[in-house]
């Protein structure tokens, strides 16, 4: 198998589903709500996405929040395998790749990358759920009545990542991969633990993320309108968070509208995306409670970690984004790459924010290249 072959194989499992589900792509405009709901349920039942599980573990954050992670352990390549399937390692010990997901997603958003690394079979990988997301515990510092309802900050997420690293990868070199908020989490780790990053991190992949300036993002809307929206969004989210049960019922009732918005902001070419993958993205976003959405939203406007990127200057790096990303526009990736002159920058055509789901083969190939660079002795 060629080096790109192992990456493309990750998407083959969904091909048959795509054929069966292709007709669902136009159902929202042609049939009534009951049929649409049945179509979603059929995709939920059939799709393999998000079903991969590893050895579970729990790290404890500095406020006591339990952070859930899973580990896929490496395997020695079978006899006769080509040398490119060697166990990725530095001379001293095996490498651990740690994946951090984005806002309102879960560790399952790395489904294709996880499948590809499992097929390769020679990489130790850790996948974790950010606080209040997925299988991790609701942030204790954010729980009203516990410790004063402390706001979420990107800095706290950086400390959460450090807790996961200390528990799941206490020794040996580390390669960090982060999408969107996950990339910001990596930067917050570097800002607070620069020496640790310099000593332990041998590779970093920043996927559709930003080092700052998110308050200027227009999300594809007119600049004047987005300024007005930004003034009211925090208050609206806070009000909605106080009526969680009512809002969740409303989300179910407006599922069709939300599905359209999710596709618009998640994918650069939504009509080309397998409906089962689109539905998979919907499920992850739908599973994030509205109060969690409200808690995390203000943290992004205060995010500014350009200086922290210097800690990654001595390691192999990848900066990659979609050219149609409206949430973290590719200009933000170009700005990150400008601070990391040794990083490889790639802007993927016709691709949106969920690059790892929309173009898994491209990202898998680039991660394979990053693994090779991070584990190949220089000189």
Protein backbone atom coordinates (compact mmCIF):
# COMPACT_ATOMS: atom_id res chain seq x y z
CA UNK A 1 0.00 0.00 0.00
CA UNK A 2 1.31 3.49 -0.81
CA UNK A 3 1.77 6.12 1.87
CA UNK A 4 -1.40 7.86 0.74
CA UNK A 5 -3.25 4.56 0.51
CA UNK A 6 -3.44 4.03 4.27
CA UNK A 7 -5.10 7.46 4.59
CA UNK A 8 -7.67 6.98 1.86
CA UNK A 9 -8.68 3.59 3.25
CA UNK A 10 -10.08 5.35 6.33
CA UNK A 11 -13.03 6.65 4.30
CA UNK A 12 -13.88 3.44 2.50
CA UNK A 13 -16.09 2.17 5.32
CA UNK A 14 -18.57 4.95 4.63
CA UNK A 15 -18.72 4.52 0.87
CA UNK A 16 -21.53 1.97 0.86
CA UNK A 17 -23.51 4.11 3.25
CA UNK A 18 -23.02 7.07 0.97
CA UNK A 19 -24.56 5.18 -1.93
CA UNK A 20 -27.58 4.15 0.11
CA UNK A 21 -27.98 7.58 1.71
CA UNK A 22 -27.30 9.76 -1.33
CA UNK A 23 -31.00 10.30 -1.95
CA UNK A 24 -31.39 11.72 1.55
CA UNK A 25 -29.47 14.83 0.51
CA UNK A 26 -32.58 16.40 -1.08
CA UNK A 27 -35.20 15.05 1.30
CA UNK A 28 -35.47 18.28 3.30
CA UNK A 29 -37.04 20.04 0.34
CA UNK A 30 -39.23 17.21 -0.92
CA UNK A 31 -40.85 15.34 1.97
CA UNK A 32 -42.53 16.15 5.25
CA UNK A 33 -40.94 16.31 8.69
CA UNK A 34 -41.87 12.78 9.74
CA UNK A 35 -40.05 11.25 6.78
CA UNK A 36 -37.06 13.50 7.38
CA UNK A 37 -36.92 12.38 10.98
CA UNK A 38 -36.99 8.73 9.90
CA UNK A 39 -34.17 9.43 7.44
CA UNK A 40 -32.06 10.92 10.23
CA UNK A 41 -32.75 7.92 12.45
CA UNK A 42 -31.78 5.57 9.61
CA UNK A 43 -28.47 7.39 9.17
CA UNK A 44 -27.87 7.29 12.92
CA UNK A 45 -28.40 3.55 12.96
CA UNK A 46 -26.32 2.79 9.88
CA UNK A 47 -23.35 5.14 10.09
CA UNK A 48 -20.14 3.71 11.59
CA UNK A 49 -18.84 7.14 12.54
CA UNK A 50 -17.99 7.64 16.19
CA UNK A 51 -18.07 3.93 17.02
CA UNK A 52 -14.33 3.44 17.54
CA UNK A 53 -13.43 2.98 21.19
CA UNK A 54 -10.11 2.57 22.98
CA UNK A 55 -8.89 1.80 26.47
CA UNK A 56 -10.68 4.31 28.73
CA UNK A 57 -9.04 6.47 31.33
CA UNK A 58 -9.73 9.53 33.46
CA UNK A 59 -7.57 12.54 34.28
CA UNK A 60 -8.51 15.01 37.00
CA UNK A 61 -8.38 18.74 36.26
CA UNK A 62 -7.23 21.31 38.83
CA UNK A 63 -10.85 22.01 39.84
CA UNK A 64 -11.63 18.31 40.27
CA UNK A 65 -13.39 17.83 36.91
CA UNK A 66 -12.93 14.30 35.56
CA UNK A 67 -11.69 14.37 31.97
CA UNK A 68 -12.37 11.26 29.92
CA UNK A 69 -9.81 9.94 27.46
CA UNK A 70 -9.14 6.79 25.45
CA UNK A 71 -5.85 5.26 24.35
CA UNK A 72 -5.11 3.24 21.24
CA UNK A 73 -1.87 1.38 21.94
CA UNK A 74 0.65 0.70 19.13
CA UNK A 75 1.52 -2.70 17.75
CA UNK A 76 4.79 -3.87 16.33
CA UNK A 77 4.49 -4.23 12.53
CA UNK A 78 4.04 -7.82 11.35
CA UNK A 79 7.01 -9.54 9.69
CA UNK A 80 7.59 -8.48 6.13
CA UNK A 81 5.95 -5.07 6.44
CA UNK A 82 7.61 -2.22 4.59
CA UNK A 83 9.90 -0.06 6.73
CA UNK A 84 7.52 2.89 6.47
CA UNK A 85 5.21 0.94 8.78
CA UNK A 86 7.83 1.00 11.52
CA UNK A 87 6.79 1.91 15.05
CA UNK A 88 7.00 5.68 15.10
CA UNK A 89 9.52 6.46 17.81
CA UNK A 90 12.30 8.74 18.81
CA UNK A 91 15.51 6.93 19.81
CA UNK A 92 14.57 7.05 23.48
CA UNK A 93 10.89 5.95 23.50
CA UNK A 94 7.68 5.64 21.48
CA UNK A 95 5.77 8.71 20.43
CA UNK A 96 2.28 9.53 21.76
CA UNK A 97 -0.10 11.50 19.51
CA UNK A 98 -2.72 13.44 21.47
CA UNK A 99 -5.86 14.72 19.72
CA UNK A 100 -7.85 17.71 21.07
CA UNK A 101 -11.27 18.37 19.53
CA UNK A 102 -13.15 21.59 18.86
CA UNK A 103 -16.05 23.52 20.37
CA UNK A 104 -19.31 21.56 20.64
CA UNK A 105 -17.64 18.42 19.26
CA UNK A 106 -16.16 15.31 20.92
CA UNK A 107 -13.16 13.05 20.52
CA UNK A 108 -15.23 11.14 17.96
CA UNK A 109 -14.72 13.99 15.49
CA UNK A 110 -11.32 12.37 14.82
CA UNK A 111 -13.02 9.19 13.55
CA UNK A 112 -11.20 9.04 10.20
CA UNK A 113 -7.81 9.87 11.66
CA UNK A 114 -8.32 7.25 14.36
CA UNK A 115 -9.30 4.64 11.79
CA UNK A 116 -6.23 5.45 9.68
CA UNK A 117 -3.83 5.26 12.63
CA UNK A 118 -5.38 1.99 13.72
CA UNK A 119 -4.84 0.56 10.27
CA UNK A 120 -1.24 1.69 10.41
CA UNK A 121 -1.12 -0.01 13.82
CA UNK A 122 2.17 1.50 14.96
CA UNK A 123 1.15 4.72 16.68
CA UNK A 124 0.18 5.27 20.32
CA UNK A 125 -2.71 7.72 20.27
CA UNK A 126 -4.76 9.50 22.96
CA UNK A 127 -8.17 11.02 22.30
CA UNK A 128 -9.92 13.06 24.98
CA UNK A 129 -13.15 14.96 25.54
CA UNK A 130 -12.85 18.56 26.65
CA UNK A 131 -14.62 19.44 29.89
CA UNK A 132 -18.44 19.46 29.60
CA UNK A 133 -18.16 17.73 26.21
CA UNK A 134 -18.62 14.09 25.25
CA UNK A 135 -17.95 11.67 28.10
CA UNK A 136 -16.04 14.14 30.25
CA UNK A 137 -17.65 15.47 33.39
CA UNK A 138 -19.52 18.76 33.44
CA UNK A 139 -16.93 21.35 34.46
CA UNK A 140 -17.13 21.58 38.24
CA UNK A 141 -15.92 25.17 38.27
CA UNK A 142 -18.76 26.01 35.91
CA UNK A 143 -21.49 24.23 37.90
CA UNK A 144 -23.66 26.78 39.67
CA UNK A 145 -23.46 26.39 43.43
CA UNK A 146 -20.21 24.41 43.45
CA UNK A 147 -17.28 26.81 43.25
CA UNK A 148 -18.93 30.05 42.22
CA UNK A 149 -19.81 29.40 38.57
CA UNK A 150 -16.31 30.25 37.28
CA UNK A 151 -16.28 31.19 33.56
CA UNK A 152 -14.57 28.92 31.07
CA UNK A 153 -11.31 30.30 29.68
CA UNK A 154 -8.96 28.96 27.05
CA UNK A 155 -6.27 29.04 29.76
CA UNK A 156 -8.27 26.55 31.81
CA UNK A 157 -8.54 24.27 28.79
CA UNK A 158 -4.75 24.40 28.48
CA UNK A 159 -4.47 23.21 32.08
CA UNK A 160 -7.00 20.47 31.34
CA UNK A 161 -4.81 19.26 28.48
CA UNK A 162 -1.80 19.25 30.79
CA UNK A 163 -3.74 17.04 33.24
CA UNK A 164 -4.55 14.60 30.43
CA UNK A 165 -0.94 14.57 29.26
CA UNK A 166 0.39 13.99 32.77
CA UNK A 167 -1.94 11.00 33.18
CA UNK A 168 -2.08 9.44 29.71
CA UNK A 169 1.41 10.36 28.43
CA UNK A 170 3.59 10.89 31.50
CA UNK A 171 6.82 10.14 29.65
CA UNK A 172 8.27 10.22 26.16
CA UNK A 173 7.83 12.56 23.20
CA UNK A 174 4.41 13.92 22.31
CA UNK A 175 2.84 15.10 19.07
CA UNK A 176 -0.18 17.35 19.57
CA UNK A 177 -3.08 17.65 17.11
CA UNK A 178 -5.82 20.22 17.70
CA UNK A 179 -8.84 21.34 15.73
CA UNK A 180 -10.34 24.80 16.27
CA UNK A 181 -10.79 25.13 20.06
CA UNK A 182 -8.46 22.14 20.40
CA UNK A 183 -5.69 24.08 18.65
CA UNK A 184 -6.32 27.02 20.98
CA UNK A 185 -6.07 24.58 23.89
CA UNK A 186 -2.61 23.59 22.64
CA UNK A 187 -1.60 27.25 22.52
CA UNK A 188 -2.86 27.76 26.07
CA UNK A 189 -0.77 24.78 27.15
CA UNK A 190 2.28 26.42 25.58
CA UNK A 191 1.52 29.79 27.19
CA UNK A 192 1.42 28.27 30.67
CA UNK A 193 3.96 25.45 30.32
CA UNK A 194 6.47 26.64 27.67
CA UNK A 195 9.38 24.62 29.08
CA UNK A 196 7.30 21.43 29.13
CA UNK A 197 6.29 22.00 25.50
CA UNK A 198 9.88 22.70 24.44
CA UNK A 199 11.11 19.54 26.17
CA UNK A 200 8.34 17.06 25.31
CA UNK A 201 6.53 18.17 22.15
CA UNK A 202 8.20 17.04 18.92
CA UNK A 203 5.33 17.82 16.56
CA UNK A 204 2.19 19.96 16.42
CA UNK A 205 -0.72 20.10 13.99
CA UNK A 206 -3.01 23.13 14.01
CA UNK A 207 -6.21 22.27 12.13
CA UNK A 208 -8.66 25.06 11.28
CA UNK A 209 -7.77 27.13 14.32
CA UNK A 210 -6.73 30.62 15.37
CA UNK A 211 -4.16 32.34 17.60
CA UNK A 212 -6.42 35.37 18.14
CA UNK A 213 -8.50 38.05 16.52
CA UNK A 214 -11.71 36.02 16.55
CA UNK A 215 -13.73 39.10 17.47
CA UNK A 216 -13.15 40.29 13.90
CA UNK A 217 -14.57 37.17 12.21
CA UNK A 218 -17.80 37.97 10.33
CA UNK A 219 -19.01 34.38 9.75
CA UNK A 220 -19.84 35.34 6.19
CA UNK A 221 -22.21 38.11 7.32
CA UNK A 222 -22.02 41.87 6.65
CA UNK A 223 -19.58 43.55 9.05
CA UNK A 224 -22.17 46.01 10.37
CA UNK A 225 -24.65 43.25 11.08
CA UNK A 226 -22.16 41.01 12.86
CA UNK A 227 -21.22 43.81 15.24
CA UNK A 228 -24.84 44.16 16.29
CA UNK A 229 -25.17 40.41 16.67
CA UNK A 230 -22.06 40.18 18.84
CA UNK A 231 -23.52 42.72 21.27
CA UNK A 232 -26.60 40.63 21.94
CA UNK A 233 -25.34 37.03 21.59
CA UNK A 234 -23.86 36.67 25.11
CA UNK A 235 -27.08 37.88 26.73
CA UNK A 236 -29.23 35.71 24.50
CA UNK A 237 -27.14 32.63 25.24
CA UNK A 238 -27.26 33.33 28.97
CA UNK A 239 -31.04 33.64 28.82
CA UNK A 240 -31.35 30.44 26.83
CA UNK A 241 -29.07 28.62 29.26
CA UNK A 242 -31.49 29.47 32.07
CA UNK A 243 -34.27 27.64 30.22
CA UNK A 244 -32.37 24.51 29.22
CA UNK A 245 -35.32 22.09 29.00
CA UNK A 246 -37.38 24.49 26.90
CA UNK A 247 -34.47 25.25 24.58
CA UNK A 248 -33.63 21.58 24.05
CA UNK A 249 -37.24 20.90 23.03
CA UNK A 250 -36.99 23.85 20.65
CA UNK A 251 -33.78 22.48 19.15
CA UNK A 252 -35.56 19.22 18.40
CA UNK A 253 -38.45 21.05 16.76
CA UNK A 254 -36.14 23.09 14.54
CA UNK A 255 -33.85 20.19 13.63
CA UNK A 256 -34.26 20.77 9.89
CA UNK A 257 -33.22 24.41 10.11
CA UNK A 258 -30.30 23.59 12.38
CA UNK A 259 -29.14 20.81 10.04
CA UNK A 260 -28.95 23.31 7.20
CA UNK A 261 -26.97 25.80 9.28
CA UNK A 262 -24.61 23.09 10.51
CA UNK A 263 -23.85 21.98 6.97
CA UNK A 264 -23.38 25.57 5.81
CA UNK A 265 -20.85 26.40 8.52
CA UNK A 266 -19.19 22.96 8.75
CA UNK A 267 -18.47 22.06 5.13
CA UNK A 268 -17.11 23.93 2.15
CA UNK A 269 -18.97 21.78 -0.37
CA UNK A 270 -21.93 20.36 1.62
CA UNK A 271 -23.61 18.77 -1.37
CA UNK A 272 -20.54 16.59 -1.90
CA UNK A 273 -20.45 15.38 1.71
CA UNK A 274 -21.76 11.90 2.46
CA UNK A 275 -25.16 12.45 4.20
CA UNK A 276 -24.11 10.02 6.93
CA UNK A 277 -21.08 12.21 7.71
CA UNK A 278 -23.26 15.31 7.73
CA UNK A 279 -25.62 13.63 10.16
CA UNK A 280 -22.68 12.51 12.30
CA UNK A 281 -21.60 16.15 12.64
CA UNK A 282 -25.16 17.13 13.53
CA UNK A 283 -25.31 14.52 16.28
CA UNK A 284 -22.14 15.79 17.93
CA UNK A 285 -23.31 19.39 17.85
CA UNK A 286 -26.81 18.46 19.02
CA UNK A 287 -25.35 16.58 21.99
CA UNK A 288 -23.77 19.73 23.43
CA UNK A 289 -26.21 21.25 25.97
CA UNK A 290 -27.15 24.88 25.41
CA UNK A 291 -25.73 25.92 28.79
CA UNK A 292 -22.35 24.52 27.74
CA UNK A 293 -22.58 26.39 24.44
CA UNK A 294 -23.25 29.57 26.42
CA UNK A 295 -20.41 28.99 28.90
CA UNK A 296 -17.71 28.51 26.30
CA UNK A 297 -18.71 31.21 23.79
CA UNK A 298 -17.24 34.27 25.61
CA UNK A 299 -13.82 32.61 25.95
CA UNK A 300 -13.07 32.89 22.24
CA UNK A 301 -13.18 36.67 22.03
CA UNK A 302 -10.50 36.95 24.70
CA UNK A 303 -8.26 34.37 23.06
CA UNK A 304 -4.87 35.78 22.03
CA UNK A 305 -1.97 33.35 22.00
CA UNK A 306 0.29 34.45 19.14
CA UNK A 307 3.28 34.85 21.46
CA UNK A 308 2.74 31.37 22.92
CA UNK A 309 3.33 29.80 19.51
CA UNK A 310 7.06 30.41 19.95
CA UNK A 311 7.18 27.34 22.20
CA UNK A 312 6.44 25.21 19.13
CA UNK A 313 9.24 26.79 17.10
CA UNK A 314 11.63 23.90 17.63
CA UNK A 315 9.35 21.07 16.55
CA UNK A 316 7.87 19.77 13.31
CA UNK A 317 4.60 21.57 12.62
CA UNK A 318 1.61 21.45 10.31
CA UNK A 319 -0.88 24.29 9.82
CA UNK A 320 -3.88 23.35 7.71
CA UNK A 321 -7.29 24.89 7.02
CA UNK A 322 -10.11 24.94 4.49
CA UNK A 323 -10.37 27.86 2.09
CA UNK A 324 -14.12 28.12 2.85
CA UNK A 325 -13.85 28.01 6.63
CA UNK A 326 -16.14 30.77 7.92
CA UNK A 327 -15.55 30.14 11.63
CA UNK A 328 -11.75 30.30 11.69
CA UNK A 329 -10.95 31.71 8.23
CA UNK A 330 -7.76 30.47 6.60
CA UNK A 331 -6.08 33.84 7.12
CA UNK A 332 -5.79 32.85 10.78
CA UNK A 333 -3.86 29.74 9.76
CA UNK A 334 -1.60 31.83 7.57
CA UNK A 335 -0.90 34.03 10.60
CA UNK A 336 0.04 30.97 12.69
CA UNK A 337 2.36 29.69 9.96
CA UNK A 338 4.03 33.10 9.76
CA UNK A 339 5.12 32.69 13.39
CA UNK A 340 6.32 29.13 12.74
CA UNK A 341 8.55 29.47 9.66
CA UNK A 342 9.43 25.76 9.69
CA UNK A 343 5.77 24.73 9.63
CA UNK A 344 4.16 23.31 6.51
CA UNK A 345 1.09 25.35 5.59
CA UNK A 346 -1.74 24.01 3.46
CA UNK A 347 -5.03 25.65 2.53
CA UNK A 348 -7.39 22.97 1.23
CA UNK A 349 -9.72 24.00 -1.63
CA UNK A 350 -13.50 23.76 -1.36
CA UNK A 351 -13.29 22.81 2.31
CA UNK A 352 -14.95 24.21 5.41
CA UNK A 353 -14.39 24.15 9.15
CA UNK A 354 -14.73 20.40 9.73
CA UNK A 355 -11.77 19.57 7.53
CA UNK A 356 -11.06 16.28 9.32
CA UNK A 357 -14.50 14.99 8.28
CA UNK A 358 -14.82 16.65 4.88
CA UNK A 359 -11.30 15.89 3.57
CA UNK A 360 -10.05 13.08 5.82
CA UNK A 361 -7.67 11.67 3.22
CA UNK A 362 -5.88 15.01 2.84
CA UNK A 363 -5.49 15.49 6.59
CA UNK A 364 -4.43 11.88 7.13
CA UNK A 365 -1.70 12.20 4.49
CA UNK A 366 -0.41 15.41 6.06
CA UNK A 367 -0.43 13.89 9.55
CA UNK A 368 1.53 10.91 8.24
CA UNK A 369 4.10 13.33 6.82
CA UNK A 370 4.20 15.16 10.16
CA UNK A 371 4.75 11.89 12.04
CA UNK A 372 7.62 11.08 9.74
CA UNK A 373 9.24 14.49 10.18
CA UNK A 374 8.79 14.39 13.96
CA UNK A 375 10.43 10.98 14.30
CA UNK A 376 13.23 11.33 11.77
CA UNK A 377 16.52 12.44 13.35
CA UNK A 378 17.71 15.74 11.90
CA UNK A 379 21.09 16.03 10.24
